[in-house]
Protein backbone atom coordinates (compact mmCIF):
# COMPACT_ATOMS: atom_id res chain seq x y z
CA UNK A 1 -17.12 -2.11 9.29
CA UNK A 2 -16.27 -4.62 6.64
CA UNK A 3 -14.09 -3.70 3.67
CA UNK A 4 -14.70 -5.75 0.50
CA UNK A 5 -14.45 -5.38 -3.26
CA UNK A 6 -18.28 -5.13 -3.20
CA UNK A 7 -18.44 -2.26 -0.73
CA UNK A 8 -19.39 1.22 -1.88
CA UNK A 9 -15.79 2.31 -1.46
CA UNK A 10 -13.35 0.42 -3.65
CA UNK A 11 -10.01 -0.17 -1.87
CA UNK A 12 -8.10 0.33 -5.04
CA UNK A 13 -9.23 3.94 -5.11
CA UNK A 14 -6.44 4.68 -2.57
CA UNK A 15 -4.02 3.68 -5.34
CA UNK A 16 -5.72 5.72 -8.01
CA UNK A 17 -5.79 8.81 -5.75
CA UNK A 18 -2.10 8.38 -4.96
CA UNK A 19 -1.27 8.13 -8.73
CA UNK A 20 -3.16 11.31 -9.46
CA UNK A 21 -1.48 13.14 -6.62
CA UNK A 22 1.91 11.96 -7.87
CA UNK A 23 1.28 13.34 -11.33
CA UNK A 24 0.23 16.73 -9.95
CA UNK A 25 2.59 17.48 -7.01
CA UNK A 26 6.28 17.82 -6.26
CA UNK A 27 5.92 18.83 -2.59
CA UNK A 28 7.32 16.54 0.14
CA UNK A 29 4.01 16.46 2.02
CA UNK A 30 2.41 14.99 -1.23
CA UNK A 31 5.21 12.38 -1.37
CA UNK A 32 4.43 11.30 2.16
CA UNK A 33 0.70 11.04 1.46
CA UNK A 34 1.32 9.17 -1.81
CA UNK A 35 3.38 6.52 -0.02
CA UNK A 36 0.75 6.08 2.74
CA UNK A 37 -2.07 5.73 0.27
CA UNK A 38 -0.10 3.36 -1.93
CA UNK A 39 0.71 1.22 1.08
CA UNK A 40 -2.86 1.17 2.34
CA UNK A 41 -4.24 0.27 -1.10
CA UNK A 42 -1.94 -2.75 -1.25
CA UNK A 43 -2.26 -3.69 2.40
CA UNK A 44 -6.03 -3.49 2.51
CA UNK A 45 -6.42 -5.38 -0.74
CA UNK A 46 -3.98 -7.95 0.51
CA UNK A 47 -5.84 -8.32 3.73
CA UNK A 48 -9.07 -8.82 1.87
CA UNK A 49 -7.55 -11.25 -0.59
CA UNK A 50 -6.13 -13.28 2.31
CA UNK A 51 -9.51 -13.05 4.09
CA UNK A 52 -7.88 -11.88 7.31
CA UNK A 53 -10.44 -10.45 9.69
CA UNK A 54 -7.99 -9.27 12.37
CA UNK A 55 -8.06 -5.47 12.77
CA UNK A 56 -5.49 -5.10 15.51
CA UNK A 57 -2.08 -3.57 15.13
CA UNK A 58 -0.58 -6.98 14.34
CA UNK A 59 -2.69 -7.34 11.22
CA UNK A 60 0.01 -5.69 9.11
CA UNK A 61 2.46 -8.47 10.02
CA UNK A 62 -0.31 -11.08 9.65
CA UNK A 63 -0.89 -10.07 6.03
CA UNK A 64 2.85 -10.11 5.26
CA UNK A 65 3.14 -13.56 6.93
CA UNK A 66 0.23 -14.90 4.81
CA UNK A 67 1.97 -13.83 1.65
CA UNK A 68 5.29 -15.21 2.87
CA UNK A 69 3.64 -18.59 2.66
CA UNK A 70 1.54 -18.01 -0.51
CA UNK A 71 3.33 -15.52 -2.70
CA UNK A 72 6.88 -14.38 -1.99
CA UNK A 73 6.80 -11.59 -4.54
CA UNK A 74 3.76 -9.99 -2.97
CA UNK A 75 5.40 -10.55 0.46
CA UNK A 76 8.58 -8.78 -0.52
CA UNK A 77 6.83 -5.92 -2.29
CA UNK A 78 4.49 -5.37 0.70
CA UNK A 79 7.39 -5.46 3.13
CA UNK A 80 9.29 -2.90 1.11
CA UNK A 81 6.17 -0.73 0.85
CA UNK A 82 5.61 -0.99 4.62
CA UNK A 83 9.23 0.18 5.21
CA UNK A 84 8.68 3.18 2.94
CA UNK A 85 5.41 4.05 4.68
CA UNK A 86 7.20 3.86 8.03
CA UNK A 87 9.73 6.41 6.77
CA UNK A 88 7.04 8.63 5.34
CA UNK A 89 4.83 8.61 8.41
CA UNK A 90 7.31 8.39 11.33
CA UNK A 91 10.71 9.61 10.22
CA UNK A 92 10.08 13.31 9.87
CA UNK A 93 13.76 14.31 10.05
CA UNK A 94 14.68 12.68 6.69
CA UNK A 95 13.35 14.14 3.44
CA UNK A 96 11.03 11.93 1.34
CA UNK A 97 11.82 12.24 -2.33
CA UNK A 98 9.53 11.98 -5.32
CA UNK A 99 11.43 8.87 -6.47
CA UNK A 100 10.39 7.15 -3.22
CA UNK A 101 6.76 8.09 -3.92
CA UNK A 102 7.15 6.66 -7.42
CA UNK A 103 8.69 3.45 -6.04
CA UNK A 104 5.72 3.07 -3.63
CA UNK A 105 3.33 3.34 -6.58
CA UNK A 106 5.32 0.78 -8.56
CA UNK A 107 5.29 -1.65 -5.59
CA UNK A 108 1.57 -1.16 -4.96
CA UNK A 109 0.75 -1.63 -8.60
CA UNK A 110 2.70 -4.90 -8.65
CA UNK A 111 0.81 -6.19 -5.70
CA UNK A 112 -2.61 -4.98 -6.90
CA UNK A 113 -2.07 -6.46 -10.37
CA UNK A 114 -0.87 -9.76 -8.96
CA UNK A 115 -3.93 -9.97 -6.75
CA UNK A 116 -6.25 -9.03 -9.62
CA UNK A 117 -7.35 -5.68 -8.22
CA UNK A 118 -5.86 -3.93 -11.30
CA UNK A 119 -5.89 -5.19 -14.86
């Protein structure tokens, strides 16, 4: 299945959903979901922007490596976002705070705006 800006599902909708969830929830489970959706909005749009077709587990690092060469700000934001997502998805012993969910939305918005997925 190919993901593109012209597909029926718009990748940026992950970001919009996460933003709505952020405004409506204070529960930790919501914070974890927000971080994951913010990351995937930025990652998938970045992968599409870079025209990377790889869908293996290494694709996350491939996208970061692309932006390391082409846009350091996007690279740094995506790396930070990936780290937050790792904590939210895999480190279940540490609490995830609302401020971390907000930070993930800020990072994702920076990436999506830079790549022209958001105005």
